[in-house]
Protein backbone atom coordinates (compact mmCIF):
# COMPACT_ATOMS: atom_id res chain seq x y z
CA MET A 1 119.66 59.09 94.75
CA ASP A 2 116.42 61.04 95.18
CA GLU A 3 117.25 61.75 98.82
CA ASN A 4 120.65 63.21 97.89
CA HIS A 5 119.03 65.15 95.07
CA ASN A 6 116.46 66.69 97.45
CA LYS A 7 119.20 67.43 99.98
CA ASN A 8 121.17 69.33 97.35
CA TYR A 9 118.06 71.33 96.47
CA ARG A 10 117.57 72.24 100.12
CA TRP A 11 121.17 73.44 100.36
CA LEU A 12 120.69 75.50 97.19
CA GLN A 13 117.49 77.02 98.53
CA ALA A 14 119.16 77.89 101.83
CA ALA A 15 122.13 79.42 99.99
CA LEU A 16 119.84 81.57 97.83
CA LEU A 17 117.83 82.72 100.82
CA ILE A 18 120.98 83.73 102.69
CA LEU A 19 122.33 85.48 99.59
CA PHE A 20 119.12 87.48 99.09
CA LEU A 21 119.05 88.46 102.75
CA VAL A 22 122.72 89.42 103.01
CA VAL A 23 122.56 91.53 99.85
CA ALA A 24 119.40 93.28 101.03
CA ILE A 25 120.83 94.06 104.47
CA ALA A 26 124.06 95.32 102.90
CA ARG A 27 122.05 97.58 100.61
CA ILE A 28 120.00 98.93 103.52
CA VAL A 29 122.96 99.58 105.81
CA SER A 30 125.01 101.18 103.02
CA THR A 31 122.44 104.00 102.77
CA TYR A 32 122.80 105.05 106.42
CA LYS A 33 125.65 107.43 105.64
CA VAL A 34 124.35 108.55 102.26
CA PHE A 35 121.14 110.19 103.44
CA ASN A 36 120.53 112.64 106.23
CA GLN A 37 117.38 112.28 108.30
CA THR A 38 114.03 112.22 106.53
CA TRP A 39 111.12 114.35 107.71
CA ASP A 40 109.77 112.04 110.43
CA GLU A 41 112.85 110.41 111.93
CA ALA A 42 113.76 113.02 114.53
CA VAL A 43 110.27 113.05 116.08
CA HIS A 44 110.06 109.24 116.18
CA VAL A 45 113.44 108.89 117.91
CA ALA A 46 112.65 111.65 120.42
CA CYS A 47 109.34 110.03 121.40
CA GLY A 48 111.01 106.64 121.78
CA MET A 49 113.77 108.18 123.89
CA GLU A 50 111.17 109.81 126.15
CA TRP A 51 109.58 106.38 126.69
CA LEU A 52 112.94 104.79 127.53
CA GLN A 53 114.45 107.58 129.60
CA LEU A 54 111.51 109.25 131.36
CA GLY A 55 108.91 106.49 131.36
CA THR A 56 106.33 108.83 129.80
CA TYR A 57 104.86 109.25 126.34
CA ASN A 58 103.78 112.87 126.04
CA TYR A 59 105.85 114.39 123.23
CA GLU A 60 103.42 113.27 120.54
CA ASP A 61 100.53 110.80 120.59
CA LEU A 62 100.01 110.59 116.82
CA HIS A 63 101.73 107.19 116.61
CA PRO A 64 101.93 104.33 119.13
CA PRO A 65 105.26 103.61 120.84
CA LEU A 66 106.53 100.22 119.57
CA ALA A 67 108.44 101.27 116.45
CA ARG A 68 109.55 104.51 118.09
CA VAL A 69 111.06 102.69 121.04
CA ALA A 70 112.80 100.30 118.66
CA VAL A 71 114.56 103.14 116.81
CA ALA A 72 115.50 104.89 120.06
CA ILE A 73 117.16 101.84 121.65
CA GLY A 74 120.42 102.25 119.73
CA PRO A 75 120.99 105.90 120.70
CA TYR A 76 119.86 105.16 124.26
CA LEU A 77 122.31 102.29 124.70
CA SER A 78 125.10 104.49 123.35
CA GLY A 79 124.53 106.89 126.25
CA ILE A 80 122.54 109.64 124.52
CA ARG A 81 119.88 111.28 126.66
CA LEU A 82 117.20 113.95 126.34
CA ARG A 83 117.77 117.36 127.83
CA THR A 84 115.07 117.02 130.46
CA GLN A 85 115.46 120.56 131.83
CA ASP A 86 113.45 121.96 128.91
CA PRO A 87 110.01 122.82 130.38
CA ASN A 88 108.28 122.82 126.97
CA PRO A 89 109.98 120.10 124.95
CA ASP A 90 109.58 120.05 121.20
CA ALA A 91 109.88 116.56 119.73
CA LEU A 92 111.56 117.74 116.53
CA LEU A 93 114.15 119.83 118.37
CA ALA A 94 114.72 117.00 120.85
CA GLY A 95 115.25 114.53 118.00
CA ASN A 96 117.68 116.83 116.23
CA ALA A 97 119.60 117.21 119.47
CA ILE A 98 119.80 113.41 119.78
CA PHE A 99 121.24 113.11 116.28
CA ALA A 100 123.73 115.92 116.92
CA SER A 101 124.93 114.48 120.27
CA HIS A 102 128.72 114.26 120.72
CA GLY A 103 129.18 115.67 117.22
CA GLU A 104 128.47 112.24 115.67
CA TYR A 105 125.43 112.92 113.54
CA LEU A 106 125.76 110.07 111.07
CA HIS A 107 126.72 107.57 113.77
CA ASN A 108 123.71 108.45 115.92
CA LEU A 109 121.39 108.40 112.91
CA ALA A 110 122.68 104.96 111.92
CA LEU A 111 122.07 103.67 115.46
CA ALA A 112 118.45 104.78 115.20
CA ARG A 113 117.96 103.28 111.75
CA MET A 114 119.31 99.93 112.87
CA GLY A 115 116.19 99.60 115.02
CA VAL A 116 114.14 98.91 111.88
CA LEU A 117 116.31 96.00 110.69
CA PRO A 118 114.65 93.39 112.99
CA PHE A 119 111.29 94.28 111.45
CA PHE A 120 112.71 93.81 107.96
CA LEU A 121 113.95 90.36 108.99
CA LEU A 122 110.54 89.57 110.47
CA ALA A 123 108.76 90.62 107.27
CA THR A 124 111.14 88.53 105.16
CA TRP A 125 110.62 85.49 107.38
CA THR A 126 106.84 85.87 107.13
CA VAL A 127 106.99 86.08 103.33
CA TRP A 128 109.16 82.95 103.19
CA TYR A 129 107.17 80.88 105.69
CA TRP A 130 103.74 81.87 104.38
CA THR A 131 104.68 81.29 100.74
CA ARG A 132 106.26 77.92 101.52
CA SER A 133 103.15 76.77 103.38
CA LEU A 134 100.97 77.67 100.38
CA PHE A 135 103.00 77.10 97.24
CA GLY A 136 106.18 75.22 98.14
CA SER A 137 109.84 75.92 98.88
CA TRP A 138 110.93 77.21 95.48
CA ALA A 139 108.06 79.69 95.32
CA ALA A 140 109.10 80.85 98.79
CA VAL A 141 112.69 81.39 97.63
CA ALA A 142 111.46 83.41 94.66
CA ALA A 143 109.12 85.45 96.87
CA VAL A 144 111.96 86.30 99.26
CA GLY A 145 114.23 87.27 96.37
CA LEU A 146 111.56 89.61 95.02
CA PHE A 147 110.50 91.05 98.37
CA THR A 148 114.08 91.84 99.42
CA SER A 149 114.63 93.73 96.16
CA VAL A 150 111.52 95.94 96.19
CA PRO A 151 112.98 99.49 96.31
CA PRO A 152 110.17 101.04 98.46
CA VAL A 153 110.66 98.21 100.97
CA LEU A 154 114.44 98.66 101.08
CA GLY A 155 114.10 102.43 101.25
CA ASN A 156 111.72 102.37 104.20
CA ALA A 157 113.81 99.68 105.89
CA GLY A 158 116.70 102.13 105.87
CA VAL A 159 115.03 104.96 107.79
CA ALA A 160 113.93 105.23 111.42
CA THR A 161 110.18 105.44 110.84
CA THR A 162 107.05 103.41 111.54
CA ASP A 163 106.09 102.23 108.05
CA LEU A 164 108.26 99.12 107.69
CA PRO A 165 107.51 97.99 111.28
CA LEU A 166 103.81 98.20 110.44
CA ALA A 167 104.30 96.17 107.25
CA ALA A 168 106.14 93.44 109.15
CA THR A 169 103.82 93.13 112.14
CA PHE A 170 100.58 93.56 110.20
CA VAL A 171 101.33 90.84 107.63
CA LEU A 172 102.39 88.52 110.45
CA SER A 173 99.11 89.19 112.25
CA LEU A 174 97.18 88.46 109.06
CA PHE A 175 99.03 85.15 108.68
CA ALA A 176 98.27 84.38 112.33
CA PHE A 177 94.59 85.01 111.63
CA THR A 178 94.57 82.40 108.85
CA ILE A 179 96.17 79.92 111.25
CA TRP A 180 93.54 80.73 113.89
CA LEU A 181 90.66 80.24 111.44
CA GLU A 182 92.10 76.86 110.47
CA ARG A 183 92.81 75.76 114.06
CA PRO A 184 91.29 77.96 116.80
CA THR A 185 93.42 76.52 119.60
CA THR A 186 94.74 78.27 122.65
CA ALA A 187 98.19 78.50 121.06
CA SER A 188 96.86 80.05 117.84
CA SER A 189 94.72 82.45 119.88
CA LEU A 190 97.77 83.58 121.85
CA LEU A 191 99.69 84.04 118.61
CA LEU A 192 96.85 86.07 117.12
CA GLY A 193 96.55 88.31 120.17
CA VAL A 194 100.29 89.02 120.32
CA THR A 195 100.70 89.73 116.62
CA VAL A 196 97.64 91.97 116.35
CA GLY A 197 98.77 93.85 119.46
CA LEU A 198 102.23 94.40 117.98
CA ALA A 199 100.72 95.59 114.69
CA VAL A 200 98.43 98.07 116.42
CA MET A 201 101.35 99.31 118.50
CA SER A 202 103.39 99.87 115.35
CA LYS A 203 100.87 102.21 113.73
CA PHE A 204 97.19 102.97 114.25
CA SER A 205 96.36 102.27 110.61
CA ALA A 206 96.78 98.57 111.47
CA LEU A 207 93.25 98.71 112.92
CA LEU A 208 91.75 99.79 109.60
CA PHE A 209 93.92 97.38 107.62
CA PHE A 210 93.11 94.42 109.82
CA ALA A 211 89.39 95.14 109.69
CA ALA A 212 89.43 95.17 105.87
CA CYS A 213 91.86 92.31 105.29
CA GLY A 214 90.46 90.25 108.15
CA ALA A 215 87.03 90.48 106.54
CA ALA A 216 88.55 89.35 103.23
CA VAL A 217 90.28 86.39 104.90
CA LEU A 218 87.07 85.45 106.70
CA LEU A 219 85.20 85.55 103.41
CA CYS A 220 87.77 83.23 101.82
CA TRP A 221 87.34 80.82 104.72
CA LEU A 222 83.55 80.88 104.49
CA CYS A 223 83.71 80.31 100.73
CA ALA A 224 85.77 77.16 101.25
CA GLY A 225 82.61 75.29 102.14
CA GLU A 226 84.51 72.80 104.30
CA ALA A 227 81.65 72.76 106.77
CA SER A 228 77.95 73.44 106.46
CA ILE A 229 76.25 76.19 108.45
CA ARG A 230 74.67 73.55 110.68
CA GLU A 231 78.10 72.09 111.45
CA MET A 232 79.56 75.52 112.14
CA ILE A 233 76.95 76.60 114.72
CA PRO A 234 78.38 74.46 117.58
CA GLU A 235 81.82 76.00 116.91
CA ILE A 236 80.67 79.57 117.42
CA ARG A 237 80.85 79.62 121.21
CA PRO A 238 84.30 77.95 121.50
CA ARG A 239 85.63 80.25 118.80
CA LEU A 240 84.27 83.31 120.60
CA ARG A 241 86.00 82.18 123.79
CA GLN A 242 89.29 81.80 121.93
CA LEU A 243 88.76 85.13 120.21
CA GLY A 244 88.16 86.71 123.61
CA LEU A 245 91.48 85.29 124.79
CA ALA A 246 93.21 86.82 121.76
CA ALA A 247 91.51 90.17 122.35
CA LEU A 248 92.50 90.13 126.02
CA LEU A 249 96.13 89.45 125.13
CA CYS A 250 96.05 92.15 122.46
CA ALA A 251 94.77 94.63 125.04
CA GLY A 252 97.55 93.53 127.39
CA ILE A 253 100.15 94.23 124.69
CA VAL A 254 98.70 97.71 124.19
CA PHE A 255 98.65 98.33 127.95
CA ALA A 256 102.25 97.18 128.32
CA CYS A 257 103.50 99.24 125.37
CA TYR A 258 102.13 102.35 127.04
CA ARG A 259 103.91 101.32 130.27
CA PHE A 260 100.60 100.47 131.99
CA SER A 261 99.52 104.09 131.84
CA PHE A 262 96.48 104.87 134.00
CA HIS A 263 95.49 108.50 134.50
CA PRO A 264 92.87 111.06 133.42
CA ALA A 265 92.63 111.51 129.68
CA SER A 266 92.41 115.30 129.92
CA GLY A 267 93.41 118.06 132.28
CA PRO A 268 92.62 121.76 132.73
CA GLY A 269 95.32 122.56 130.18
CA SER A 270 93.36 120.86 127.41
CA ARG A 271 90.19 122.87 127.91
CA PRO A 272 87.69 123.33 126.38
CA HIS A 273 86.46 119.73 126.18
CA GLN A 274 84.37 119.97 123.05
CA PHE A 275 82.46 116.73 123.47
CA VAL A 276 81.26 117.83 126.94
CA ASP A 277 80.35 121.26 125.60
CA ARG A 278 78.23 119.69 122.87
CA ILE A 279 76.32 117.38 125.24
CA PHE A 280 75.75 119.79 128.14
CA GLU A 281 75.74 123.09 126.28
CA ASN A 282 72.70 124.47 128.14
CA GLN A 283 73.09 122.68 131.48
CA ALA A 284 75.67 124.61 133.47
CA LYS A 285 75.74 122.37 136.55
CA LEU A 286 76.06 119.11 134.63
CA HIS A 287 78.62 120.83 132.42
CA ASP A 288 80.82 121.67 135.41
CA ILE A 289 80.44 118.20 136.95
CA SER A 290 81.39 116.58 133.64
CA TYR A 291 84.50 118.73 133.39
CA GLU A 292 85.52 117.58 136.86
CA LEU A 293 84.94 113.93 135.97
CA VAL A 294 86.90 114.18 132.72
CA GLU A 295 89.85 115.87 134.41
CA ARG A 296 89.94 113.71 137.55
CA THR A 297 88.84 110.21 136.54
CA PRO A 298 91.76 107.95 135.58
CA VAL A 299 91.37 105.65 132.58
CA PRO A 300 93.68 102.97 131.19
CA VAL A 301 96.07 104.04 128.41
CA PRO A 302 94.46 107.40 127.55
CA GLU A 303 97.40 108.05 125.19
CA PHE A 304 96.09 105.25 122.96
CA PHE A 305 92.68 106.83 122.54
CA ILE A 306 94.11 110.33 122.19
CA GLY A 307 96.49 109.02 119.54
CA MET A 308 93.68 107.36 117.61
CA LYS A 309 91.73 110.60 117.72
CA GLN A 310 94.74 112.56 116.45
CA ALA A 311 95.41 110.05 113.69
CA GLY A 312 91.77 110.23 112.59
CA ALA A 313 91.83 114.02 112.64
CA ARG A 314 95.00 114.06 110.58
CA THR A 315 93.71 111.75 107.88
CA SER A 316 90.36 113.53 107.70
CA GLY A 317 91.87 117.00 107.85
CA THR A 318 93.21 119.11 105.01
CA THR A 319 96.78 119.57 103.88
CA ASN A 320 98.36 120.24 100.51
CA MET A 321 99.03 117.03 98.54
CA TYR A 322 100.45 116.43 95.08
CA LEU A 323 99.69 114.05 92.23
CA LEU A 324 100.27 114.30 88.47
CA GLY A 325 101.13 118.00 88.64
CA GLN A 326 98.05 118.91 90.68
CA VAL A 327 97.91 120.17 94.25
CA ARG A 328 94.85 119.54 96.40
CA ASN A 329 94.07 119.53 100.08
CA ARG A 330 91.75 116.50 99.99
CA GLY A 331 93.62 113.94 97.89
CA TRP A 332 92.53 111.57 95.11
CA TRP A 333 90.82 108.18 95.18
CA TYR A 334 93.30 106.90 92.56
CA PHE A 335 96.45 108.07 94.37
CA PHE A 336 97.58 104.63 95.58
CA PRO A 337 96.93 102.80 92.28
CA VAL A 338 99.01 105.43 90.47
CA ALA A 339 101.75 105.29 93.10
CA LEU A 340 101.90 101.48 92.98
CA SER A 341 102.06 101.50 89.18
CA VAL A 342 105.07 103.85 88.99
CA LYS A 343 107.00 102.89 92.13
CA THR A 344 106.89 99.10 91.81
CA PRO A 345 109.27 97.31 89.41
CA ILE A 346 107.30 96.53 86.25
CA ALA A 347 108.47 92.92 86.20
CA LEU A 348 107.18 92.46 89.75
CA LEU A 349 103.79 93.81 88.69
CA ILE A 350 103.71 91.29 85.84
CA LEU A 351 104.70 88.40 88.11
CA MET A 352 102.15 89.48 90.69
CA ALA A 353 99.42 89.50 88.03
CA ILE A 354 100.46 86.02 86.88
CA GLY A 355 100.44 84.77 90.47
CA GLY A 356 97.03 86.30 91.15
CA PHE A 357 95.59 84.72 88.03
CA ALA A 358 97.17 81.39 89.03
CA THR A 359 95.48 81.41 92.46
CA ILE A 360 92.08 81.99 90.89
CA THR A 361 92.73 79.30 88.27
CA ARG A 362 93.81 76.80 90.91
CA TRP A 363 90.66 77.49 92.89
CA LYS A 364 88.43 77.04 89.87
CA ASN A 365 90.22 73.84 88.91
CA GLY A 366 89.31 72.18 92.16
CA GLU A 367 92.18 73.08 94.52
CA HIS A 368 89.75 74.24 97.18
CA ASP A 369 92.29 75.24 99.81
CA TRP A 370 90.87 78.59 100.88
CA ARG A 371 94.28 79.73 102.11
CA ILE A 372 95.67 80.14 98.59
CA LEU A 373 93.17 82.96 98.01
CA VAL A 374 94.21 84.91 101.11
CA PRO A 375 97.23 86.88 99.77
CA LEU A 376 95.30 88.04 96.69
CA ALA A 377 92.11 88.82 98.61
CA SER A 378 94.06 90.66 101.31
CA ALA A 379 96.04 92.74 98.81
CA VAL A 380 92.83 93.74 97.01
CA ALA A 381 91.11 94.56 100.32
CA LEU A 382 94.08 96.63 101.46
CA LEU A 383 94.06 98.65 98.26
CA LEU A 384 90.29 99.12 98.26
CA VAL A 385 90.14 100.33 101.86
CA CYS A 386 92.77 102.95 101.05
CA LEU A 387 90.99 104.34 97.97
CA PRO A 388 88.57 106.57 99.94
CA THR A 389 91.43 107.93 102.04
CA LYS A 390 92.00 111.57 101.19
CA PHE A 391 95.32 111.80 103.01
CA ASN A 392 97.75 111.06 100.19
CA ILE A 393 101.35 111.89 101.04
CA GLY A 394 103.15 108.68 100.12
CA LEU A 395 103.05 105.08 98.99
CA ARG A 396 104.63 104.19 102.34
CA HIS A 397 101.19 104.34 103.93
CA ILE A 398 100.23 101.19 102.02
CA LEU A 399 103.61 99.46 102.42
CA PRO A 400 102.04 96.29 103.95
CA ILE A 401 100.78 95.41 100.47
CA TYR A 402 104.29 94.47 99.30
CA PRO A 403 104.70 91.26 101.33
CA LEU A 404 101.35 90.10 99.92
CA LEU A 405 102.32 91.04 96.36
CA SER A 406 105.66 89.28 96.79
CA ILE A 407 103.89 86.05 97.76
CA LEU A 408 101.80 86.27 94.60
CA ALA A 409 104.86 87.11 92.51
CA GLY A 410 106.73 84.11 93.94
CA LEU A 411 103.86 81.92 92.76
CA GLY A 412 104.01 83.71 89.40
CA VAL A 413 107.67 82.71 88.97
CA MET A 414 106.89 79.06 89.68
CA GLN A 415 103.83 79.14 87.44
CA LEU A 416 106.00 80.22 84.51
CA TRP A 417 108.74 77.75 85.42
CA GLN A 418 106.33 74.82 85.53
CA VAL A 419 104.23 75.68 82.45
CA SER A 420 103.41 72.48 80.58
CA ARG A 421 103.48 73.87 77.05
CA ALA A 422 106.56 75.60 75.63
CA ARG A 423 108.39 74.91 78.87
CA TRP A 424 111.59 76.53 77.63
CA LEU A 425 109.72 79.78 76.92
CA GLY A 426 108.10 79.76 80.36
CA ARG A 427 111.46 79.29 82.07
CA ILE A 428 113.08 82.03 80.02
CA LEU A 429 110.24 84.36 81.04
CA ALA A 430 110.53 83.34 84.70
CA VAL A 431 114.28 83.98 84.79
CA GLY A 432 113.95 87.12 82.67
CA LEU A 433 111.26 88.75 84.82
CA MET A 434 113.06 87.82 88.02
CA GLY A 435 116.30 89.20 86.61
CA TRP A 436 114.58 92.37 85.42
CA THR A 437 113.25 92.99 88.92
CA LEU A 438 116.64 92.43 90.54
CA ALA A 439 118.45 94.56 87.95
CA SER A 440 115.94 97.40 88.18
CA SER A 441 116.29 97.40 91.93
CA ALA A 442 120.10 97.24 91.87
CA MET A 443 120.29 100.18 89.46
CA ALA A 444 118.25 102.30 91.88
CA GLN A 445 120.75 101.87 94.71
CA PRO A 446 121.10 103.86 96.94
CA ASP A 447 118.00 105.88 95.98
CA ASN A 448 115.45 103.25 96.94
CA LEU A 449 113.12 105.78 98.57
CA ALA A 450 113.04 107.84 95.39
CA TYR A 451 112.77 104.86 93.02
CA PHE A 452 110.44 105.08 90.02
CA ASN A 453 110.04 102.46 87.32
CA GLU A 454 110.20 103.01 83.57
CA PHE A 455 106.56 104.14 83.42
CA ALA A 456 107.50 107.38 85.22
CA GLY A 457 109.88 108.58 82.52
CA LYS A 458 112.60 111.16 83.06
CA HIS A 459 110.57 113.51 85.25
CA PRO A 460 108.98 111.56 88.14
CA GLU A 461 108.45 114.85 89.97
CA ARG A 462 105.57 115.46 87.55
CA ILE A 463 103.82 112.42 89.05
CA LEU A 464 104.70 112.30 92.77
CA VAL A 465 106.79 114.25 95.24
CA ASP A 466 106.62 114.21 99.05
CA SER A 467 107.94 111.02 100.68
CA ASP A 468 107.86 109.16 97.36
CA LEU A 469 110.61 111.36 95.93
CA ASP A 470 111.61 114.20 98.23
CA TRP A 471 111.54 113.41 101.95
CA GLY A 472 114.36 115.81 102.74
CA GLN A 473 117.01 113.09 102.40
CA ASP A 474 119.63 114.68 100.13
CA LEU A 475 121.20 117.48 102.20
CA LEU A 476 124.43 115.57 102.76
CA ARG A 477 124.78 115.11 99.02
CA LEU A 478 124.09 118.81 98.52
CA SER A 479 126.80 119.70 101.04
CA ASN A 480 129.34 117.49 99.25
CA ASP A 481 128.33 118.84 95.84
CA LEU A 482 128.62 122.48 96.91
CA ARG A 483 132.02 121.88 98.49
CA SER A 484 133.31 120.15 95.37
CA ARG A 485 132.23 123.17 93.32
CA GLY A 486 133.79 125.67 95.72
CA VAL A 487 130.46 127.41 96.28
CA GLU A 488 130.83 130.21 98.83
CA HIS A 489 127.16 131.12 99.27
CA VAL A 490 123.84 129.51 98.39
CA ALA A 491 120.14 130.30 98.73
CA ILE A 492 118.17 127.25 99.85
CA ALA A 493 114.53 126.19 99.84
CA TYR A 494 114.60 122.90 101.72
CA ASN A 495 111.81 120.43 102.45
CA GLY A 496 112.77 118.51 105.55
CA SER A 497 113.37 118.45 109.29
CA ALA A 498 117.18 118.50 109.39
CA ASP A 499 118.96 121.42 111.01
CA LEU A 500 120.69 123.16 108.10
CA ASN A 501 123.32 124.52 110.46
CA GLN A 502 124.46 120.96 111.19
CA MET A 503 124.85 119.88 107.55
CA ASN A 504 128.25 121.45 106.79
CA LEU A 505 126.78 123.78 104.19
CA PRO A 506 128.45 127.00 103.02
CA PRO A 507 126.89 130.27 104.24
CA PHE A 508 123.29 130.28 103.09
CA ASP A 509 120.09 132.28 103.00
CA THR A 510 116.54 131.01 102.83
CA LEU A 511 115.05 131.20 99.35
CA VAL A 512 111.69 132.99 99.62
CA PRO A 513 108.84 132.21 97.20
CA CYS A 514 108.34 134.77 94.43
CA VAL A 515 111.57 136.61 95.27
CA ARG A 516 114.10 136.30 92.45
CA GLU A 517 117.67 135.62 93.53
CA THR A 518 120.96 135.35 91.71
CA GLY A 519 123.98 133.15 92.29
CA TRP A 520 123.73 129.57 93.50
CA ILE A 521 120.28 128.30 94.38
CA ALA A 522 119.32 124.89 95.78
CA ILE A 523 115.65 123.93 95.95
CA SER A 524 113.85 120.77 96.99
CA LEU A 525 111.63 119.37 94.26
CA TYR A 526 108.79 119.29 96.78
CA ASP A 527 108.99 123.06 97.28
CA LEU A 528 109.36 123.68 93.56
CA GLU A 529 106.38 121.56 92.50
CA MET A 530 104.06 122.33 95.42
CA SER A 531 104.46 126.11 95.37
CA GLN A 532 103.59 126.76 91.74
CA PRO A 533 99.83 126.01 91.79
CA THR A 534 99.25 127.14 95.39
CA ILE A 535 100.91 130.54 95.58
CA GLY A 536 99.32 133.35 93.59
CA CYS A 537 102.63 134.82 92.48
CA GLY A 538 103.81 131.47 91.14
CA GLY A 539 106.06 130.48 94.04
CA TYR A 540 109.36 129.32 92.64
CA SER A 541 108.09 128.90 89.08
CA TRP A 542 110.45 131.63 87.84
CA LEU A 543 113.26 129.09 88.23
CA GLU A 544 111.75 126.98 85.45
CA THR A 545 112.98 129.53 82.89
CA PHE A 546 116.56 128.50 83.76
CA LYS A 547 118.30 125.23 83.02
CA PRO A 548 119.30 123.42 86.22
CA THR A 549 123.02 123.00 86.72
CA ALA A 550 122.51 119.64 88.43
CA LEU A 551 120.08 117.33 90.14
CA VAL A 552 121.65 116.54 93.51
CA GLY A 553 120.65 113.04 94.49
CA LYS A 554 117.07 112.66 93.37
CA SER A 555 115.36 115.50 95.19
CA ILE A 556 117.31 118.79 95.05
CA ARG A 557 117.82 120.94 91.99
CA LEU A 558 120.88 123.16 91.87
CA TYR A 559 120.81 126.34 89.77
CA TRP A 560 123.33 129.00 88.84
CA ILE A 561 121.41 132.23 88.21
CA PRO A 562 123.58 134.98 86.68
CA GLN A 563 123.14 138.67 87.26
CA PRO A 564 120.63 140.14 84.79
CA ASP A 565 123.29 142.21 83.04
CA ALA A 566 125.98 139.52 83.08
CA ALA A 567 127.49 138.88 79.67
CA ASP A 568 128.45 135.29 80.47
CA PRO A 569 125.73 133.21 82.19
CA ALA A 570 128.15 130.39 83.07
CA PRO A 571 129.08 129.69 86.71
CA PRO A 572 132.39 131.00 88.07
CA LEU A 573 135.47 129.06 86.94
CA HIS A 574 136.20 127.75 90.39
CA ALA A 575 132.75 126.21 90.42
CA THR A 576 133.30 124.09 87.31
CA LYS A 577 136.69 122.50 87.93
CA LEU A 578 135.20 119.15 88.90
CA PRO A 579 132.68 117.08 86.91
CA GLN A 580 129.13 118.14 87.69
CA ALA A 581 126.38 115.91 88.98
CA ARG A 582 123.87 114.76 86.40
CA VAL A 583 121.65 117.44 84.94
CA ALA A 584 117.96 117.20 85.71
CA GLY A 585 116.13 115.27 83.04
CA HIS A 586 119.20 113.34 81.83
């Protein structure tokens, strides 16, 4: 009887897991033809295509090649190729040409975006397996249900970028590290080396994340007290040997991902070499010899070190960023806490808090399995290490936190379900919070990238813009809206990388800041919000005196501006025959 009962439960768990996964994949794929390319997609696909077609990686070194190659495989297998005759290739133009190939823009874009799906499956598997190993099968089912309904996860899984691949590979590498600490065998060392190598090759920020979270995991392990310091000393040398094996394999993954590149890091075209100039500023002969050595001595994978340098320069440099109506060029320490609080379903935040409290309570009550502390400690470490970062352009840069939060939230569901007192109330809360998360996520479809929870209110653009709201994704919607209204001309201020001439728009002009226009005007919320505090003449702030005709998608406002002496400020009759899109703020 019990055996049949358990078997039925296993079938139910499997059915729920499949249902969650199928629904999530359907939601991701359904957005492929809703949104045009976001800011970064063209460059990523072009760099991946260069790697596949030419065997080089020179277009841009800012990101490593793994995720970029993954998103370029689909277009490459369909026969699309770079125009190699261009002597000075531009990655953005090359990417746009890939998307426009054979006149099948949406098809080519979908092929690129499909390259991220395997990483989404990998992340989901890691959440399920890790949660099951810590808290049981039902907690794992709940964690998968929650993870596969997190709008920022689904949104980033539907675009050809590096953020979801990093989340998947990094969390897997963190899980592999816990396995290695528990059992430092050759097999676990190989697993650790491969997973860390894949994470680093997804995005350079994996190095920072792994340093912070790895330290947190190590601290949890040391706090377990399973062995005294005297007992641990003999293990140091064998562990270092196994760690060396993992590091060697990780380096091999990096070397392979850069196609075993081995050449000088700099050439005459990259002069001056500032580090040489600083060291040998007053020693002309040594200065010249050093230049020769730098430009002639081959080194392994110089692209990796150049890319790390570029990534560091980018995050430490200055660029205009936006938060809570303010524009700065150095960011805010509280950017990520604010972003998490308004872009994560509220019910998930509650379940995560319950799960985090439950792990601490279990530890205090004598369940001294150090592994149960790892998801909470890692999530806290990940958030803390990002607080000093002054490069704040999107929650996506901390996307690896969501698998960890989902594990905690899965535990939170089971903690409520199994509460000893007022069991019926606990189960109602468990089902209610889970249902609230799923419903909130479903209502956001297809605008998962631009999702904000109830805390954000009716005007999320007053809190965040950039890739959290306006990543240039709504041009196709704008084109459809303008056609339905019969618009014959429009002035556009667009934030994005798409070629406007390929978007089937009516004849258009570029909307210039501080220059008042009349007629139909379409403006990205990013341009509207960012220009007002940064441009002395007020940028596009003059538009705020007019009521928007519509909010196209989530990121483009559409205005009808009448002539100053017009008696009737309403749009032309032909432009109001069809129902309008929703008005901004409603």
